[in-house]
């Protein structure tokens, strides 16, 4: 029974994240006078990403971490600033 409850909560995490991002962007756009078109575009893209399944997000995050590790390890060894 606990496993089914976790799956139910796990599927709602992207929508909760979208709600929090939406709320933060609404407050920031009001306080900092952001342009409406980019804010709406960002929120639309965020909503579409939230429609993806959680397994897609898990795979994306794993590949993102792998890519960032490779990027920074390569950059650390090949950096021209390191020689200065």
N, C-alpha and C. Protein backbone atom coordinates (compact mmCIF):
# COMPACT_ATOMS: atom_id res chain seq x y z
N UNK A 1 0.82 -1.20 0.00
CA UNK A 1 0.00 0.00 0.00
C UNK A 1 0.86 1.25 0.00
N UNK A 2 1.98 1.24 0.73
CA UNK A 2 2.85 2.41 0.78
C UNK A 2 3.45 2.70 -0.59
N UNK A 3 3.73 1.65 -1.35
CA UNK A 3 4.33 1.84 -2.68
C UNK A 3 3.35 2.56 -3.60
N UNK A 4 2.07 2.22 -3.54
CA UNK A 4 1.07 2.90 -4.36
C UNK A 4 0.91 4.36 -3.96
N UNK A 5 1.01 4.63 -2.67
CA UNK A 5 0.90 6.00 -2.19
C UNK A 5 2.09 6.82 -2.70
N UNK A 6 3.29 6.24 -2.67
CA UNK A 6 4.48 6.94 -3.16
C UNK A 6 4.35 7.23 -4.65
N UNK A 7 3.83 6.29 -5.44
CA UNK A 7 3.66 6.52 -6.87
C UNK A 7 2.67 7.66 -7.12
N UNK A 8 1.64 7.75 -6.31
CA UNK A 8 0.67 8.82 -6.45
C UNK A 8 1.32 10.18 -6.18
N UNK A 9 2.10 10.26 -5.12
CA UNK A 9 2.79 11.50 -4.77
C UNK A 9 3.86 11.82 -5.81
N UNK A 10 4.56 10.80 -6.27
CA UNK A 10 5.65 10.98 -7.24
C UNK A 10 5.14 11.57 -8.54
N UNK A 11 3.94 11.21 -8.95
CA UNK A 11 3.36 11.76 -10.18
C UNK A 11 2.92 13.21 -10.02
N UNK A 12 2.70 13.66 -8.79
CA UNK A 12 2.24 15.03 -8.57
C UNK A 12 3.39 16.02 -8.37
N UNK A 13 4.61 15.53 -8.20
CA UNK A 13 5.75 16.41 -7.94
C UNK A 13 5.96 17.43 -9.05
N UNK A 14 5.92 17.07 -10.35
CA UNK A 14 6.10 18.11 -11.38
C UNK A 14 5.03 19.20 -11.34
N UNK A 15 3.81 18.85 -11.01
CA UNK A 15 2.75 19.86 -10.95
C UNK A 15 2.92 20.78 -9.75
N UNK A 16 3.40 20.23 -8.64
CA UNK A 16 3.70 21.06 -7.47
C UNK A 16 4.84 22.01 -7.79
N UNK A 17 5.87 21.49 -8.48
CA UNK A 17 6.99 22.35 -8.88
C UNK A 17 6.51 23.44 -9.82
N UNK A 18 5.64 23.10 -10.77
CA UNK A 18 5.11 24.12 -11.68
C UNK A 18 4.33 25.18 -10.91
N UNK A 19 3.54 24.78 -9.95
CA UNK A 19 2.79 25.75 -9.15
C UNK A 19 3.71 26.70 -8.40
N UNK A 20 4.79 26.17 -7.84
CA UNK A 20 5.74 27.02 -7.13
C UNK A 20 6.46 27.97 -8.09
N UNK A 21 6.86 27.46 -9.25
CA UNK A 21 7.53 28.31 -10.24
C UNK A 21 6.57 29.38 -10.74
N UNK A 22 5.33 29.00 -10.99
CA UNK A 22 4.32 29.96 -11.45
C UNK A 22 4.12 31.07 -10.42
N UNK A 23 4.02 30.69 -9.17
CA UNK A 23 3.84 31.68 -8.11
C UNK A 23 5.05 32.61 -8.00
N UNK A 24 6.24 32.04 -8.05
CA UNK A 24 7.46 32.85 -7.97
C UNK A 24 7.56 33.81 -9.16
N UNK A 25 7.25 33.33 -10.35
CA UNK A 25 7.34 34.19 -11.53
C UNK A 25 6.27 35.29 -11.50
N UNK A 26 5.11 34.98 -10.97
CA UNK A 26 4.05 36.00 -10.86
C UNK A 26 4.50 37.11 -9.92
N UNK A 27 5.08 36.75 -8.79
CA UNK A 27 5.55 37.74 -7.83
C UNK A 27 6.71 38.54 -8.41
N UNK A 28 7.69 37.85 -9.02
CA UNK A 28 8.85 38.54 -9.59
C UNK A 28 8.46 39.46 -10.75
N UNK A 29 7.54 39.02 -11.58
CA UNK A 29 7.15 39.85 -12.71
C UNK A 29 6.42 41.11 -12.23
N UNK A 30 5.74 41.01 -11.12
CA UNK A 30 5.08 42.19 -10.56
C UNK A 30 6.09 43.12 -9.89
N UNK A 31 7.01 42.55 -9.10
CA UNK A 31 7.97 43.37 -8.36
C UNK A 31 9.02 44.00 -9.26
N UNK A 32 9.48 43.29 -10.26
CA UNK A 32 10.57 43.77 -11.11
C UNK A 32 10.12 44.24 -12.48
N UNK A 33 8.85 44.27 -12.72
CA UNK A 33 8.26 44.74 -13.99
C UNK A 33 8.82 44.00 -15.20
N UNK A 34 8.82 42.69 -15.13
CA UNK A 34 9.26 41.89 -16.27
C UNK A 34 8.26 42.00 -17.40
N UNK A 35 8.75 41.84 -18.63
CA UNK A 35 7.88 41.86 -19.79
C UNK A 35 6.98 40.63 -19.77
N UNK A 36 5.77 40.78 -20.24
CA UNK A 36 4.78 39.72 -20.14
C UNK A 36 5.03 38.56 -21.11
N UNK A 37 5.50 38.84 -22.32
CA UNK A 37 5.67 37.79 -23.34
C UNK A 37 6.71 36.74 -22.91
N UNK A 38 7.92 37.13 -22.47
CA UNK A 38 8.87 36.09 -22.04
C UNK A 38 8.40 35.30 -20.82
N UNK A 39 7.71 35.95 -19.92
CA UNK A 39 7.20 35.27 -18.72
C UNK A 39 6.17 34.22 -19.12
N UNK A 40 5.25 34.59 -20.01
CA UNK A 40 4.24 33.63 -20.47
C UNK A 40 4.89 32.49 -21.23
N UNK A 41 5.89 32.80 -22.07
CA UNK A 41 6.60 31.75 -22.80
C UNK A 41 7.30 30.79 -21.86
N UNK A 42 7.98 31.34 -20.84
CA UNK A 42 8.65 30.49 -19.85
C UNK A 42 7.66 29.60 -19.11
N UNK A 43 6.54 30.16 -18.73
CA UNK A 43 5.54 29.38 -17.99
C UNK A 43 4.90 28.31 -18.88
N UNK A 44 4.68 28.61 -20.14
CA UNK A 44 4.14 27.60 -21.06
C UNK A 44 5.11 26.44 -21.24
N UNK A 45 6.38 26.75 -21.43
CA UNK A 45 7.39 25.69 -21.58
C UNK A 45 7.52 24.87 -20.30
N UNK A 46 7.46 25.54 -19.15
CA UNK A 46 7.54 24.83 -17.88
C UNK A 46 6.34 23.90 -17.71
N UNK A 47 5.16 24.35 -18.11
CA UNK A 47 3.98 23.50 -18.00
C UNK A 47 4.11 22.28 -18.91
N UNK A 48 4.60 22.48 -20.12
CA UNK A 48 4.78 21.34 -21.03
C UNK A 48 5.79 20.34 -20.47
N UNK A 49 6.84 20.84 -19.84
CA UNK A 49 7.81 19.94 -19.22
C UNK A 49 7.19 19.19 -18.04
N UNK A 50 6.27 19.83 -17.34
CA UNK A 50 5.62 19.16 -16.21
C UNK A 50 4.71 18.04 -16.67
N UNK A 51 4.25 18.11 -17.91
CA UNK A 51 3.40 17.04 -18.45
C UNK A 51 4.21 15.78 -18.75
N UNK A 52 5.53 15.89 -18.81
CA UNK A 52 6.36 14.70 -19.01
C UNK A 52 6.27 13.83 -17.76
N UNK A 53 6.48 12.55 -17.94
CA UNK A 53 6.44 11.65 -16.80
C UNK A 53 7.64 11.84 -15.90
N UNK A 54 7.52 11.37 -14.68
CA UNK A 54 8.62 11.52 -13.73
C UNK A 54 9.83 10.68 -14.14
N UNK A 55 9.61 9.58 -14.85
CA UNK A 55 10.76 8.78 -15.29
C UNK A 55 11.58 9.56 -16.31
N UNK A 56 10.93 10.40 -17.13
CA UNK A 56 11.67 11.26 -18.05
C UNK A 56 12.53 12.27 -17.30
N UNK A 57 11.98 12.83 -16.25
CA UNK A 57 12.74 13.79 -15.45
C UNK A 57 13.91 13.12 -14.75
N UNK A 58 13.71 11.90 -14.25
CA UNK A 58 14.80 11.19 -13.59
C UNK A 58 15.94 10.91 -14.57
N UNK A 59 15.60 10.46 -15.77
CA UNK A 59 16.62 10.23 -16.79
C UNK A 59 17.31 11.54 -17.18
N UNK A 60 16.53 12.59 -17.34
CA UNK A 60 17.11 13.89 -17.69
C UNK A 60 18.10 14.35 -16.62
N UNK A 61 17.74 14.24 -15.36
CA UNK A 61 18.63 14.70 -14.29
C UNK A 61 19.90 13.87 -14.22
N UNK A 62 19.79 12.55 -14.43
CA UNK A 62 20.98 11.70 -14.44
C UNK A 62 21.92 12.12 -15.56
N UNK A 63 21.39 12.30 -16.78
CA UNK A 63 22.23 12.71 -17.91
C UNK A 63 22.76 14.11 -17.73
N UNK A 64 21.99 15.00 -17.09
CA UNK A 64 22.47 16.34 -16.82
C UNK A 64 23.67 16.32 -15.89
N UNK A 65 23.60 15.52 -14.83
CA UNK A 65 24.72 15.42 -13.89
C UNK A 65 25.94 14.84 -14.59
N UNK A 66 25.76 13.79 -15.38
CA UNK A 66 26.88 13.19 -16.11
C UNK A 66 27.50 14.22 -17.06
N UNK A 67 26.67 14.96 -17.78
CA UNK A 67 27.17 15.96 -18.71
C UNK A 67 27.91 17.08 -18.02
N UNK A 68 27.41 17.54 -16.88
CA UNK A 68 28.09 18.60 -16.15
C UNK A 68 29.43 18.14 -15.59
N UNK A 69 29.49 16.91 -15.11
CA UNK A 69 30.76 16.37 -14.60
C UNK A 69 31.78 16.31 -15.73
N UNK A 70 31.39 15.77 -16.89
CA UNK A 70 32.31 15.69 -18.03
C UNK A 70 32.73 17.10 -18.46
N UNK A 71 31.80 18.02 -18.53
CA UNK A 71 32.07 19.39 -18.96
C UNK A 71 33.10 20.06 -18.05
N UNK A 72 32.89 19.98 -16.75
CA UNK A 72 33.80 20.66 -15.83
C UNK A 72 35.14 19.95 -15.70
N UNK A 73 35.16 18.62 -15.77
CA UNK A 73 36.44 17.92 -15.74
C UNK A 73 37.26 18.24 -16.98
N UNK A 74 36.63 18.27 -18.14
CA UNK A 74 37.32 18.62 -19.37
C UNK A 74 37.80 20.07 -19.32
N UNK A 75 36.95 20.96 -18.87
CA UNK A 75 37.31 22.37 -18.80
C UNK A 75 38.42 22.64 -17.80
N UNK A 76 38.46 21.89 -16.75
CA UNK A 76 39.51 22.08 -15.74
C UNK A 76 40.88 21.72 -16.29
N UNK A 77 40.94 20.67 -17.09
CA UNK A 77 42.22 20.24 -17.65
C UNK A 77 42.63 21.04 -18.87
N UNK A 78 41.68 21.55 -19.65
CA UNK A 78 41.98 22.25 -20.90
C UNK A 78 41.87 23.77 -20.78
N UNK A 79 41.68 24.30 -19.60
CA UNK A 79 41.47 25.73 -19.42
C UNK A 79 42.74 26.52 -19.72
N UNK A 80 42.60 27.59 -20.48
CA UNK A 80 43.72 28.50 -20.73
C UNK A 80 43.99 29.37 -19.51
N UNK A 81 43.00 29.60 -18.69
CA UNK A 81 43.20 30.38 -17.47
C UNK A 81 44.01 29.63 -16.44
N UNK A 82 44.02 28.32 -16.49
CA UNK A 82 44.77 27.52 -15.54
C UNK A 82 46.28 27.76 -15.72
N UNK A 83 46.70 28.04 -16.94
CA UNK A 83 48.11 28.24 -17.25
C UNK A 83 48.62 29.59 -16.76
N UNK A 84 47.71 30.54 -16.49
CA UNK A 84 48.13 31.89 -16.09
C UNK A 84 48.57 31.96 -14.68
